[in-house]
C-alpha atoms as a PDB file:
ATOM      1  CA  MET A   1     102.398  15.399 -53.887  1.00  0.00           C
ATOM      2  CA  HIS A   2     104.584  15.322 -50.780  1.00  0.00           C
ATOM      3  CA  THR A   3     102.979  13.347 -47.959  1.00  0.00           C
ATOM      4  CA  GLY A   4     105.423  14.562 -45.314  1.00  0.00           C
ATOM      5  CA  GLN A   5     106.586  11.055 -44.366  1.00  0.00           C
ATOM      6  CA  HIS A   6     110.142  12.374 -44.330  1.00  0.00           C
ATOM      7  CA  HIS A   7     109.593  15.678 -42.560  1.00  0.00           C
ATOM      8  CA  ASP A   8     112.992  16.517 -41.091  1.00  0.00           C
ATOM      9  CA  ASP A   9     114.559  19.353 -43.122  1.00  0.00           C
ATOM     10  CA  THR A  10     117.731  17.370 -43.833  1.00  0.00           C
ATOM     11  CA  LEU A  11     115.694  14.387 -45.019  1.00  0.00           C
ATOM     12  CA  SER A  12     113.197  16.336 -47.099  1.00  0.00           C
ATOM     13  CA  ALA A  13     113.207  20.073 -47.857  1.00  0.00           C
ATOM     14  CA  ILE A  14     116.961  20.281 -48.392  1.00  0.00           C
ATOM     15  CA  PHE A  15     116.676  17.827 -51.297  1.00  0.00           C
ATOM     16  CA  PHE A  16     114.368  20.230 -53.106  1.00  0.00           C
ATOM     17  CA  ARG A  17     116.797  23.110 -52.558  1.00  0.00           C
ATOM     18  CA  GLU A  18     120.040  21.305 -53.407  1.00  0.00           C
ATOM     19  CA  LEU A  19     118.694  19.494 -56.460  1.00  0.00           C
ATOM     20  CA  GLY A  20     116.807  22.514 -57.798  1.00  0.00           C
ATOM     21  CA  LEU A  21     113.408  20.829 -57.648  1.00  0.00           C
ATOM     22  CA  PRO A  22     110.160  22.813 -57.695  1.00  0.00           C
ATOM     23  CA  ALA A  23     108.139  22.847 -54.488  1.00  0.00           C
ATOM     24  CA  PRO A  24     105.427  20.178 -54.265  1.00  0.00           C
ATOM     25  CA  ASP A  25     101.990  21.263 -55.458  1.00  0.00           C
ATOM     26  CA  VAL A  26     100.427  19.492 -52.476  1.00  0.00           C
ATOM     27  CA  GLU A  27     101.991  18.954 -49.044  1.00  0.00           C
ATOM     28  CA  LEU A  28     100.016  16.749 -46.664  1.00  0.00           C
ATOM     29  CA  GLY A  29     102.217  17.021 -43.564  1.00  0.00           C
ATOM     30  CA  ILE A  30     101.635  13.430 -42.456  1.00  0.00           C
ATOM     31  CA  ALA A  31     104.441  12.092 -40.271  1.00  0.00           C
ATOM     32  CA  GLY A  32     104.981   9.949 -37.191  1.00  0.00           C
ATOM     33  CA  GLY A  33     103.028   7.037 -35.794  1.00  0.00           C
ATOM     34  CA  SER A  34     103.300   3.372 -36.678  1.00  0.00           C
ATOM     35  CA  ASN A  35     103.666   2.221 -40.270  1.00  0.00           C
ATOM     36  CA  THR A  36     100.036   1.129 -40.277  1.00  0.00           C
ATOM     37  CA  SER A  37      98.574   4.327 -38.808  1.00  0.00           C
ATOM     38  CA  GLN A  38     100.759   6.500 -41.022  1.00  0.00           C
ATOM     39  CA  ALA A  39      99.710   4.675 -44.184  1.00  0.00           C
ATOM     40  CA  ALA A  40      96.054   4.857 -43.116  1.00  0.00           C
ATOM     41  CA  ARG A  41      96.241   8.635 -42.600  1.00  0.00           C
ATOM     42  CA  MET A  42      97.977   9.042 -45.941  1.00  0.00           C
ATOM     43  CA  LEU A  43      95.339   6.966 -47.685  1.00  0.00           C
ATOM     44  CA  GLY A  44      92.552   9.121 -46.271  1.00  0.00           C
ATOM     45  CA  ALA A  45      94.323  12.341 -47.252  1.00  0.00           C
ATOM     46  CA  LEU A  46      95.357  11.204 -50.743  1.00  0.00           C
ATOM     47  CA  GLU A  47      91.912   9.994 -51.796  1.00  0.00           C
ATOM     48  CA  PRO A  48      90.270  13.436 -52.181  1.00  0.00           C
ATOM     49  CA  VAL A  49      93.408  14.943 -53.761  1.00  0.00           C
ATOM     50  CA  ILE A  50      93.444  12.261 -56.461  1.00  0.00           C
ATOM     51  CA  ALA A  51      89.691  12.630 -56.961  1.00  0.00           C
ATOM     52  CA  ARG A  52      90.043  16.396 -57.561  1.00  0.00           C
ATOM     53  CA  ALA A  53      93.056  16.040 -59.856  1.00  0.00           C
ATOM     54  CA  ALA A  54      91.486  13.250 -61.946  1.00  0.00           C
ATOM     55  CA  PRO A  55      94.909  12.216 -63.290  1.00  0.00           C
ATOM     56  CA  ASP A  56      95.638   9.857 -66.161  1.00  0.00           C
ATOM     57  CA  TRP A  57      98.213   8.082 -63.966  1.00  0.00           C
ATOM     58  CA  VAL A  58      99.497   8.063 -60.423  1.00  0.00           C
ATOM     59  CA  LEU A  59     103.278   7.548 -60.389  1.00  0.00           C
ATOM     60  CA  VAL A  60     104.784   6.219 -57.163  1.00  0.00           C
ATOM     61  CA  TYR A  61     108.418   5.530 -56.379  1.00  0.00           C
ATOM     62  CA  GLY A  62     110.251   3.059 -54.180  1.00  0.00           C
ATOM     63  CA  ASP A  63     109.032   1.209 -51.100  1.00  0.00           C
ATOM     64  CA  THR A  64     107.882   3.734 -48.494  1.00  0.00           C
ATOM     65  CA  ASN A  65     104.526   3.989 -46.731  1.00  0.00           C
ATOM     66  CA  THR A  66     103.818   6.843 -49.159  1.00  0.00           C
ATOM     67  CA  THR A  67     104.387   4.473 -52.071  1.00  0.00           C
ATOM     68  CA  LEU A  68     101.806   1.972 -50.885  1.00  0.00           C
ATOM     69  CA  ALA A  69      99.285   4.611 -49.793  1.00  0.00           C
ATOM     70  CA  GLY A  70      99.509   6.314 -53.177  1.00  0.00           C
ATOM     71  CA  ALA A  71      99.006   3.023 -55.005  1.00  0.00           C
ATOM     72  CA  LEU A  72      96.022   2.046 -52.850  1.00  0.00           C
ATOM     73  CA  ALA A  73      94.376   5.457 -53.161  1.00  0.00           C
ATOM     74  CA  ALA A  74      94.764   5.455 -56.947  1.00  0.00           C
ATOM     75  CA  ALA A  75      93.674   1.867 -57.473  1.00  0.00           C
ATOM     76  CA  GLY A  76      90.634   2.443 -55.286  1.00  0.00           C
ATOM     77  CA  GLN A  77      89.487   5.149 -57.702  1.00  0.00           C
ATOM     78  CA  GLY A  78      90.313   3.224 -60.852  1.00  0.00           C
ATOM     79  CA  VAL A  79      93.349   5.343 -61.722  1.00  0.00           C
ATOM     80  CA  PRO A  80      96.202   3.285 -63.187  1.00  0.00           C
ATOM     81  CA  VAL A  81      99.364   3.098 -61.086  1.00  0.00           C
ATOM     82  CA  ALA A  82     102.918   3.305 -62.415  1.00  0.00           C
ATOM     83  CA  HIS A  83     105.571   2.049 -59.996  1.00  0.00           C
ATOM     84  CA  ALA A  84     109.156   3.235 -60.431  1.00  0.00           C
ATOM     85  CA  GLU A  85     111.688   0.861 -58.827  1.00  0.00           C
ATOM     86  CA  ALA A  86     109.337  -2.067 -59.371  1.00  0.00           C
ATOM     87  CA  GLY A  87     110.402  -5.664 -58.876  1.00  0.00           C
ATOM     88  CA  MET A  88     112.949  -5.196 -56.110  1.00  0.00           C
ATOM     89  CA  ARG A  89     112.866  -7.975 -53.528  1.00  0.00           C
ATOM     90  CA  SER A  90     114.753  -8.789 -50.331  1.00  0.00           C
ATOM     91  CA  TYR A  91     112.300 -11.635 -49.566  1.00  0.00           C
ATOM     92  CA  ASP A  92     112.152 -10.519 -45.951  1.00  0.00           C
ATOM     93  CA  ARG A  93     108.487  -9.848 -45.220  1.00  0.00           C
ATOM     94  CA  SER A  94     109.326  -8.648 -41.705  1.00  0.00           C
ATOM     95  CA  MET A  95     110.514  -5.409 -43.331  1.00  0.00           C
ATOM     96  CA  PRO A  96     107.729  -2.871 -43.954  1.00  0.00           C
ATOM     97  CA  GLU A  97     109.574  -1.789 -47.100  1.00  0.00           C
ATOM     98  CA  GLU A  98     109.303  -5.287 -48.548  1.00  0.00           C
ATOM     99  CA  ARG A  99     105.571  -5.463 -47.847  1.00  0.00           C
ATOM    100  CA  ASN A 100     105.101  -2.021 -49.382  1.00  0.00           C
ATOM    101  CA  ARG A 101     106.940  -2.832 -52.605  1.00  0.00           C
ATOM    102  CA  VAL A 102     105.285  -6.238 -53.113  1.00  0.00           C
ATOM    103  CA  LEU A 103     101.773  -4.884 -52.626  1.00  0.00           C
ATOM    104  CA  THR A 104     102.460  -1.861 -54.819  1.00  0.00           C
ATOM    105  CA  ASP A 105     103.752  -4.054 -57.638  1.00  0.00           C
ATOM    106  CA  HIS A 106     100.608  -6.155 -57.564  1.00  0.00           C
ATOM    107  CA  LEU A 107      98.445  -3.011 -57.699  1.00  0.00           C
ATOM    108  CA  SER A 108     100.343  -1.443 -60.598  1.00  0.00           C
ATOM    109  CA  THR A 109      99.553  -1.365 -64.287  1.00  0.00           C
ATOM    110  CA  LEU A 110     102.977  -0.091 -65.393  1.00  0.00           C
ATOM    111  CA  LEU A 111     105.979  -1.622 -63.644  1.00  0.00           C
ATOM    112  CA  LEU A 112     109.163   0.368 -64.218  1.00  0.00           C
ATOM    113  CA  CYS A 113     112.100  -1.847 -63.261  1.00  0.00           C
ATOM    114  CA  PRO A 114     115.623  -0.636 -62.481  1.00  0.00           C
ATOM    115  CA  SER A 115     117.288  -3.838 -63.718  1.00  0.00           C
ATOM    116  CA  PRO A 116     116.637  -7.108 -65.571  1.00  0.00           C
ATOM    117  CA  ALA A 117     116.874  -8.934 -62.227  1.00  0.00           C
ATOM    118  CA  ALA A 118     113.938  -6.893 -60.926  1.00  0.00           C
ATOM    119  CA  ALA A 119     111.884  -7.807 -64.011  1.00  0.00           C
ATOM    120  CA  GLY A 120     112.817 -11.439 -63.396  1.00  0.00           C
ATOM    121  CA  ASN A 121     111.438 -11.215 -59.858  1.00  0.00           C
ATOM    122  CA  LEU A 122     108.105 -10.010 -61.234  1.00  0.00           C
ATOM    123  CA  ALA A 123     108.025 -12.809 -63.801  1.00  0.00           C
ATOM    124  CA  ARG A 124     108.526 -15.410 -61.075  1.00  0.00           C
ATOM    125  CA  GLU A 125     105.571 -13.923 -59.186  1.00  0.00           C
ATOM    126  CA  GLY A 126     103.425 -13.949 -62.312  1.00  0.00           C
ATOM    127  CA  VAL A 127     103.068 -10.160 -62.364  1.00  0.00           C
ATOM    128  CA  GLY A 128     102.248  -8.963 -65.863  1.00  0.00           C
ATOM    129  CA  GLN A 129     102.029 -12.469 -67.300  1.00  0.00           C
ATOM    130  CA  ARG A 130      98.332 -12.317 -68.246  1.00  0.00           C
ATOM    131  CA  ALA A 131      97.851 -10.613 -71.597  1.00  0.00           C
ATOM    132  CA  ASP A 132      94.314  -9.527 -70.694  1.00  0.00           C
ATOM    133  CA  ALA A 133      95.407  -7.788 -67.498  1.00  0.00           C
ATOM    134  CA  GLY A 134      96.844  -4.809 -69.359  1.00  0.00           C
ATOM    135  CA  VAL A 135     100.009  -4.849 -67.247  1.00  0.00           C
ATOM    136  CA  THR A 136     103.284  -3.672 -68.769  1.00  0.00           C
ATOM    137  CA  VAL A 137     106.740  -4.447 -67.372  1.00  0.00           C
ATOM    138  CA  ALA A 138     109.569  -2.234 -68.651  1.00  0.00           C
ATOM    139  CA  VAL A 139     113.258  -2.161 -67.684  1.00  0.00           C
ATOM    140  CA  VAL A 140     114.045   1.563 -67.625  1.00  0.00           C
ATOM    141  CA  GLY A 141     117.003   1.747 -65.258  1.00  0.00           C
ATOM    142  CA  ASP A 142     117.053   3.531 -61.928  1.00  0.00           C
ATOM    143  CA  VAL A 143     116.248   7.230 -61.689  1.00  0.00           C
ATOM    144  CA  MET A 144     118.618   7.477 -58.714  1.00  0.00           C
ATOM    145  CA  VAL A 145     121.407   6.795 -61.203  1.00  0.00           C
ATOM    146  CA  ASP A 146     120.322   9.879 -63.158  1.00  0.00           C
ATOM    147  CA  VAL A 147     120.762  12.007 -60.043  1.00  0.00           C
ATOM    148  CA  ALA A 148     123.975  10.355 -58.874  1.00  0.00           C
ATOM    149  CA  LEU A 149     125.774  10.688 -62.201  1.00  0.00           C
ATOM    150  CA  ARG A 150     125.098  14.413 -62.146  1.00  0.00           C
ATOM    151  CA  ALA A 151     125.694  15.076 -58.459  1.00  0.00           C
ATOM    152  CA  GLN A 152     128.573  12.786 -57.525  1.00  0.00           C
ATOM    153  CA  PRO A 153     131.341  14.503 -59.544  1.00  0.00           C
ATOM    154  CA  LEU A 154     130.446  17.849 -57.952  1.00  0.00           C
ATOM    155  CA  ALA A 155     130.158  16.340 -54.486  1.00  0.00           C
ATOM    156  CA  ARG A 156     133.452  14.452 -54.769  1.00  0.00           C
ATOM    157  CA  ALA A 157     135.262  17.751 -55.242  1.00  0.00           C
ATOM    158  CA  ARG A 158     133.769  19.195 -52.018  1.00  0.00           C
ATOM    159  CA  GLN A 159     136.542  17.968 -49.767  1.00  0.00           C
ATOM    160  CA  ASP A 160     135.862  20.930 -47.482  1.00  0.00           C
ATOM    161  CA  LEU A 161     132.678  19.133 -46.411  1.00  0.00           C
ATOM    162  CA  VAL A 162     134.769  16.078 -45.555  1.00  0.00           C
ATOM    163  CA  GLY A 163     137.321  18.070 -43.583  1.00  0.00           C
ATOM    164  CA  ALA A 164     134.541  19.671 -41.545  1.00  0.00           C
ATOM    165  CA  HIS A 165     134.043  16.271 -39.901  1.00  0.00           C
ATOM    166  CA  GLY A 166     137.698  16.003 -38.901  1.00  0.00           C
ATOM    167  CA  VAL A 167     138.608  13.310 -41.422  1.00  0.00           C
ATOM    168  CA  ALA A 168     140.614  13.120 -44.646  1.00  0.00           C
ATOM    169  CA  PRO A 169     139.500  11.777 -48.048  1.00  0.00           C
ATOM    170  CA  GLY A 170     140.006   8.014 -48.250  1.00  0.00           C
ATOM    171  CA  GLY A 171     140.774   7.748 -44.547  1.00  0.00           C
ATOM    172  CA  TYR A 172     137.414   7.115 -42.908  1.00  0.00           C
ATOM    173  CA  LEU A 173     134.237   5.020 -42.978  1.00  0.00           C
ATOM    174  CA  LEU A 174     130.809   6.577 -43.553  1.00  0.00           C
ATOM    175  CA  ALA A 175     127.979   4.963 -41.585  1.00  0.00           C
ATOM    176  CA  THR A 176     124.202   5.281 -41.525  1.00  0.00           C
ATOM    177  CA  ALA A 177     121.578   3.205 -39.713  1.00  0.00           C
ATOM    178  CA  HIS A 178     117.834   3.659 -39.469  1.00  0.00           C
ATOM    179  CA  ARG A 179     116.026   0.380 -40.231  1.00  0.00           C
ATOM    180  CA  ALA A 180     113.464  -0.556 -37.601  1.00  0.00           C
ATOM    181  CA  GLY A 181     114.861  -4.090 -37.457  1.00  0.00           C
ATOM    182  CA  ASN A 182     118.208  -2.689 -36.324  1.00  0.00           C
ATOM    183  CA  VAL A 183     117.329   0.250 -34.096  1.00  0.00           C
ATOM    184  CA  ASP A 184     113.996  -0.680 -32.496  1.00  0.00           C
ATOM    185  CA  ASP A 185     115.187  -4.012 -31.067  1.00  0.00           C
ATOM    186  CA  PRO A 186     117.355  -3.345 -27.963  1.00  0.00           C
ATOM    187  CA  ALA A 187     119.617  -6.361 -28.520  1.00  0.00           C
ATOM    188  CA  ARG A 188     120.236  -5.497 -32.160  1.00  0.00           C
ATOM    189  CA  LEU A 189     120.792  -1.851 -31.285  1.00  0.00           C
ATOM    190  CA  ARG A 190     123.544  -2.905 -28.863  1.00  0.00           C
ATOM    191  CA  ALA A 191     125.066  -5.102 -31.590  1.00  0.00           C
ATOM    192  CA  LEU A 192     124.932  -2.180 -34.018  1.00  0.00           C
ATOM    193  CA  VAL A 193     126.784   0.032 -31.538  1.00  0.00           C
ATOM    194  CA  ALA A 194     129.384  -2.683 -30.920  1.00  0.00           C
ATOM    195  CA  LEU A 195     129.970  -3.001 -34.662  1.00  0.00           C
ATOM    196  CA  LEU A 196     130.364   0.731 -35.289  1.00  0.00           C
ATOM    197  CA  ALA A 197     132.614   1.099 -32.232  1.00  0.00           C
ATOM    198  CA  GLY A 198     134.668  -1.978 -33.123  1.00  0.00           C
ATOM    199  CA  VAL A 199     135.636  -1.478 -36.763  1.00  0.00           C
ATOM    200  CA  ASP A 200     138.932   0.145 -37.710  1.00  0.00           C
ATOM    201  CA  GLY A 201     137.827   3.739 -38.145  1.00  0.00           C
ATOM    202  CA  PRO A 202     137.556   6.615 -37.973  1.00  0.00           C
ATOM    203  CA  VAL A 203     133.796   6.349 -38.490  1.00  0.00           C
ATOM    204  CA  VAL A 204     131.532   9.259 -39.422  1.00  0.00           C
ATOM    205  CA  LEU A 205     127.956   8.384 -38.426  1.00  0.00           C
ATOM    206  CA  ALA A 206     125.249  10.475 -40.098  1.00  0.00           C
ATOM    207  CA  LEU A 207     122.640   9.991 -37.415  1.00  0.00           C
ATOM    208  CA  HIS A 208     119.010   9.563 -38.429  1.00  0.00           C
ATOM    209  CA  PRO A 209     116.535  11.220 -35.997  1.00  0.00           C
ATOM    210  CA  ARG A 210     114.870   7.869 -35.279  1.00  0.00           C
ATOM    211  CA  THR A 211     118.209   6.275 -34.433  1.00  0.00           C
ATOM    212  CA  ARG A 212     119.262   9.156 -32.181  1.00  0.00           C
ATOM    213  CA  VAL A 213     116.091   8.754 -30.104  1.00  0.00           C
ATOM    214  CA  ARG A 214     116.718   5.015 -29.681  1.00  0.00           C
ATOM    215  CA  LEU A 215     120.396   5.472 -28.805  1.00  0.00           C
ATOM    216  CA  GLU A 216     119.711   8.187 -26.262  1.00  0.00           C
ATOM    217  CA  ALA A 217     116.922   6.161 -24.634  1.00  0.00           C
ATOM    218  CA  ALA A 218     119.255   3.168 -24.294  1.00  0.00           C
ATOM    219  CA  GLY A 219     122.192   5.242 -23.049  1.00  0.00           C
ATOM    220  CA  LEU A 220     124.277   4.115 -26.018  1.00  0.00           C
ATOM    221  CA  LEU A 221     125.003   7.409 -27.769  1.00  0.00           C
ATOM    222  CA  ASP A 222     127.761   8.166 -25.268  1.00  0.00           C
ATOM    223  CA  VAL A 223     129.251   4.741 -25.945  1.00  0.00           C
ATOM    224  CA  LEU A 224     129.642   5.584 -29.622  1.00  0.00           C
ATOM    225  CA  VAL A 225     131.115   9.002 -28.909  1.00  0.00           C
ATOM    226  CA  GLY A 226     133.453   7.494 -26.318  1.00  0.00           C
ATOM    227  CA  ALA A 227     134.681   4.992 -28.910  1.00  0.00           C
ATOM    228  CA  GLY A 228     135.666   7.831 -31.231  1.00  0.00           C
ATOM    229  CA  VAL A 229     132.728   7.639 -33.640  1.00  0.00           C
ATOM    230  CA  ARG A 230     132.122  11.074 -35.133  1.00  0.00           C
ATOM    231  CA  VAL A 231     128.377  11.518 -34.710  1.00  0.00           C
ATOM    232  CA  SER A 232     126.726  14.131 -36.913  1.00  0.00           C
ATOM    233  CA  GLU A 233     123.214  15.413 -37.399  1.00  0.00           C
ATOM    234  CA  PRO A 234     121.338  14.152 -40.483  1.00  0.00           C
ATOM    235  CA  LEU A 235     123.099  15.406 -43.599  1.00  0.00           C
ATOM    236  CA  GLY A 236     121.761  17.027 -46.733  1.00  0.00           C
ATOM    237  CA  TYR A 237     122.186  15.292 -50.067  1.00  0.00           C
ATOM    238  CA  LEU A 238     125.283  17.227 -51.156  1.00  0.00           C
ATOM    239  CA  GLU A 239     127.155  16.786 -47.872  1.00  0.00           C
ATOM    240  CA  LEU A 240     126.241  13.120 -47.530  1.00  0.00           C
ATOM    241  CA  THR A 241     127.276  12.483 -51.134  1.00  0.00           C
ATOM    242  CA  ALA A 242     130.590  14.275 -50.570  1.00  0.00           C
ATOM    243  CA  LEU A 243     131.278  12.064 -47.562  1.00  0.00           C
ATOM    244  CA  LEU A 244     130.195   8.986 -49.514  1.00  0.00           C
ATOM    245  CA  CYS A 245     132.363   9.662 -52.561  1.00  0.00           C
ATOM    246  CA  ASN A 246     135.459  10.325 -50.444  1.00  0.00           C
ATOM    247  CA  ALA A 247     135.011   7.452 -47.960  1.00  0.00           C
ATOM    248  CA  ARG A 248     137.180   4.347 -47.756  1.00  0.00           C
ATOM    249  CA  ALA A 249     133.990   2.309 -47.406  1.00  0.00           C
ATOM    250  CA  VAL A 250     130.363   2.616 -46.303  1.00  0.00           C
ATOM    251  CA  LEU A 251     128.557   0.844 -43.449  1.00  0.00           C
ATOM    252  CA  THR A 252     124.789   1.070 -43.837  1.00  0.00           C
ATOM    253  CA  ASP A 253     121.389  -0.590 -43.593  1.00  0.00           C
ATOM    254  CA  SER A 254     119.953   1.747 -46.241  1.00  0.00           C
ATOM    255  CA  GLY A 255     118.954   0.366 -49.610  1.00  0.00           C
ATOM    256  CA  GLY A 256     119.528   3.660 -51.385  1.00  0.00           C
ATOM    257  CA  LEU A 257     123.010   4.183 -49.957  1.00  0.00           C
ATOM    258  CA  GLN A 258     124.073   0.665 -50.996  1.00  0.00           C
ATOM    259  CA  LYS A 259     123.244   1.609 -54.550  1.00  0.00           C
ATOM    260  CA  GLU A 260     124.834   5.070 -54.379  1.00  0.00           C
ATOM    261  CA  ALA A 261     128.023   3.565 -52.937  1.00  0.00           C
ATOM    262  CA  TYR A 262     128.180   1.241 -55.930  1.00  0.00           C
ATOM    263  CA  LEU A 263     127.704   4.133 -58.328  1.00  0.00           C
ATOM    264  CA  ALA A 264     130.471   6.056 -56.545  1.00  0.00           C
ATOM    265  CA  GLY A 265     132.889   3.117 -56.663  1.00  0.00           C
ATOM    266  CA  VAL A 266     133.007   2.855 -52.868  1.00  0.00           C
ATOM    267  CA  PRO A 267     132.843  -0.598 -51.197  1.00  0.00           C
ATOM    268  CA  CYS A 268     129.737  -1.139 -49.086  1.00  0.00           C
ATOM    269  CA  VAL A 269     129.234  -3.242 -45.967  1.00  0.00           C
ATOM    270  CA  THR A 270     125.517  -3.783 -45.440  1.00  0.00           C
ATOM    271  CA  MET A 271     124.355  -4.263 -41.865  1.00  0.00           C
ATOM    272  CA  ARG A 272     121.456  -6.490 -42.852  1.00  0.00           C
ATOM    273  CA  PRO A 273     121.229 -10.236 -43.562  1.00  0.00           C
ATOM    274  CA  VAL A 274     119.543  -9.668 -46.945  1.00  0.00           C
ATOM    275  CA  THR A 275     119.305  -6.936 -49.568  1.00  0.00           C
ATOM    276  CA  GLU A 276     117.059  -6.076 -52.488  1.00  0.00           C
ATOM    277  CA  TRP A 277     120.118  -4.787 -54.392  1.00  0.00           C
ATOM    278  CA  THR A 278     121.515  -8.267 -54.956  1.00  0.00           C
ATOM    279  CA  GLU A 279     123.446  -7.285 -58.092  1.00  0.00           C
ATOM    280  CA  THR A 280     125.834  -5.152 -56.016  1.00  0.00           C
ATOM    281  CA  VAL A 281     126.653  -8.195 -53.871  1.00  0.00           C
ATOM    282  CA  GLU A 282     127.161 -10.408 -56.913  1.00  0.00           C
ATOM    283  CA  ALA A 283     129.503  -7.805 -58.412  1.00  0.00           C
ATOM    284  CA  GLY A 284     131.648  -7.927 -55.264  1.00  0.00           C
ATOM    285  CA  TRP A 285     131.124  -4.314 -54.200  1.00  0.00           C
ATOM    286  CA  ASN A 286     128.656  -5.030 -51.380  1.00  0.00           C
ATOM    287  CA  THR A 287     128.954  -7.518 -48.509  1.00  0.00           C
ATOM    288  CA  LEU A 288     126.098  -8.575 -46.235  1.00  0.00           C
ATOM    289  CA  VAL A 289     127.295  -8.927 -42.643  1.00  0.00           C
ATOM    290  CA  ASP A 290     124.108  -8.391 -40.608  1.00  0.00           C
ATOM    291  CA  LEU A 291     125.458  -7.034 -37.280  1.00  0.00           C
ATOM    292  CA  ASP A 292     128.469  -9.354 -37.032  1.00  0.00           C
ATOM    293  CA  LEU A 293     131.545  -7.319 -36.095  1.00  0.00           C
ATOM    294  CA  GLU A 294     134.084  -9.906 -37.276  1.00  0.00           C
ATOM    295  CA  ALA A 295     132.279 -10.292 -40.603  1.00  0.00           C
ATOM    296  CA  ALA A 296     132.342  -6.509 -41.008  1.00  0.00           C
ATOM    297  CA  ARG A 297     136.069  -6.395 -40.289  1.00  0.00           C
ATOM    298  CA  ALA A 298     136.676  -9.144 -42.844  1.00  0.00           C
ATOM    299  CA  ALA A 299     134.559  -7.361 -45.444  1.00  0.00           C
ATOM    300  CA  LEU A 300     136.460  -4.113 -44.932  1.00  0.00           C
ATOM    301  CA  ALA A 301     139.750  -5.955 -45.403  1.00  0.00           C
ATOM    302  CA  LYS A 302     138.785  -7.346 -48.822  1.00  0.00           C
ATOM    303  CA  PRO A 303     140.476  -5.859 -51.892  1.00  0.00           C
ATOM    304  CA  VAL A 304     138.398  -3.409 -53.905  1.00  0.00           C
ATOM    305  CA  PRO A 305     137.018  -4.993 -57.112  1.00  0.00           C
ATOM    306  CA  THR A 306     138.541  -3.795 -60.367  1.00  0.00           C
ATOM    307  CA  VAL A 307     135.365  -4.086 -62.464  1.00  0.00           C
ATOM    308  CA  ARG A 308     132.120  -2.148 -61.910  1.00  0.00           C
ATOM    309  CA  PRO A 309     129.492  -2.805 -64.604  1.00  0.00           C
ATOM    310  CA  ALA A 310     126.562  -0.435 -65.188  1.00  0.00           C
ATOM    311  CA  LEU A 311     123.947  -2.462 -63.317  1.00  0.00           C
ATOM    312  CA  TYR A 312     121.131   0.074 -63.152  1.00  0.00           C
ATOM    313  CA  GLY A 313     121.216   1.989 -66.401  1.00  0.00           C
ATOM    314  CA  ASP A 314     123.044   4.837 -68.065  1.00  0.00           C
ATOM    315  CA  GLY A 315     121.545   7.888 -66.381  1.00  0.00           C
ATOM    316  CA  ARG A 316     118.564   8.250 -68.714  1.00  0.00           C
ATOM    317  CA  ALA A 317     115.984   6.375 -66.646  1.00  0.00           C
ATOM    318  CA  GLY A 318     113.810   9.465 -66.220  1.00  0.00           C
ATOM    319  CA  GLU A 319     113.468   9.802 -69.970  1.00  0.00           C
ATOM    320  CA  ARG A 320     112.502   6.149 -70.273  1.00  0.00           C
ATOM    321  CA  VAL A 321     109.901   6.496 -67.514  1.00  0.00           C
ATOM    322  CA  LEU A 322     108.306   9.320 -69.487  1.00  0.00           C
ATOM    323  CA  GLU A 323     108.458   7.298 -72.712  1.00  0.00           C
ATOM    324  CA  ALA A 324     106.836   4.301 -71.008  1.00  0.00           C
ATOM    325  CA  LEU A 325     104.013   6.461 -69.623  1.00  0.00           C
ATOM    326  CA  GLU A 326     103.383   8.042 -73.031  1.00  0.00           C
ATOM    327  CA  ALA A 327     103.398   4.648 -74.723  1.00  0.00           C
ATOM    328  CA  ALA A 328     100.953   3.277 -72.154  1.00  0.00           C
ATOM    329  CA  GLY A 329      98.484   6.063 -73.005  1.00  0.00           C
END
C-alpha cells in the first residue's frame, strides 16, 4: 500500500521505475497537511483496506507518518505489526520521526532491527522483555543496504549525471535539507542558508519541495544562488546516488542519506544536533554540527577515515526479514 505521503514524482514514482518495483496494489493519495491531520487521514483510509485484506501481518518501515498510521490501523484490528528499522533513536521527541518510530516499536510484535545498537535501545526501553507478550526482536540488518550495494556501483559510474550539474567527481559537496526543525523555523532557515553559502564549495543542493517553498517565502533562495550554490529540483534515486557517490562530502539533515553516505564511503556532515544513526558518528564518518558554519568547516577539513566496518548488515536484510516473518508464523 502506498499512502501518497511522498507524492512528488521525484520522491515517489521515480523510485518504482528506477528500481524496477511493481506498482502498489493500493494507492491512497494522502498528502499535505500537518503531521497530525495527515496521520489521521491515513488511519481512516487504511482501516478498511486492512479489514478487507485480512492479512497475517502488516509490515511497516521506518519512521514516517505512514509508518505510525499503518501500525495503529493494524493494531486496532488485532493484526500483528512487523516494524523494519526498529529500535532507532535520536532521543529528540521534538522530531515527528522520533515520535513515530517510538510509538510504532511499542505497537509491534516483530521488531526488525538494522543493528545491535538498535536492539540495545529496545532492551533499555523494555520492549520485548516480557516472555508472555509474544514480542520478538531480531537483528536483520538494514534493507537500505540491500538496495545501496546493488545501486551504488552503477550510479558511481554515471559521471555524466554529475557533469550535468557543472561539477567534477570529487570536487563538490552534495547537500539536502528538509527537516521541519531546520526549514520551518525562520531563524534556523537563515542559519541553514548561511552554512550552505559559507562552506568551501561548490555545493549542489538537491532542493526538497518543502524547502523550496520556505526559501522562496523568506526571500532566501536568491541568496543561495547568489553565493554560487547550484540549486536543483528534487532528484531521482539514480541521479542522487550518482551525485552522492562522486561527492567530496555530504551535508544533510536526512537520516537515510547519512546512512547511504556511509555505505558509499563519503564523509557526512549532519546539520542536526543529534542522529539516530549513531554508529556512523562513532566510526568517524559522520559529524554532527547542527547549523554551526565553523563546525561544518572543521568537519569538512578532517581526514577521511581509513576503516569502514559493515555496521548495518551484508546486503541480505530483505531475506532475513522474510525469514523472521515466516518463523513468527
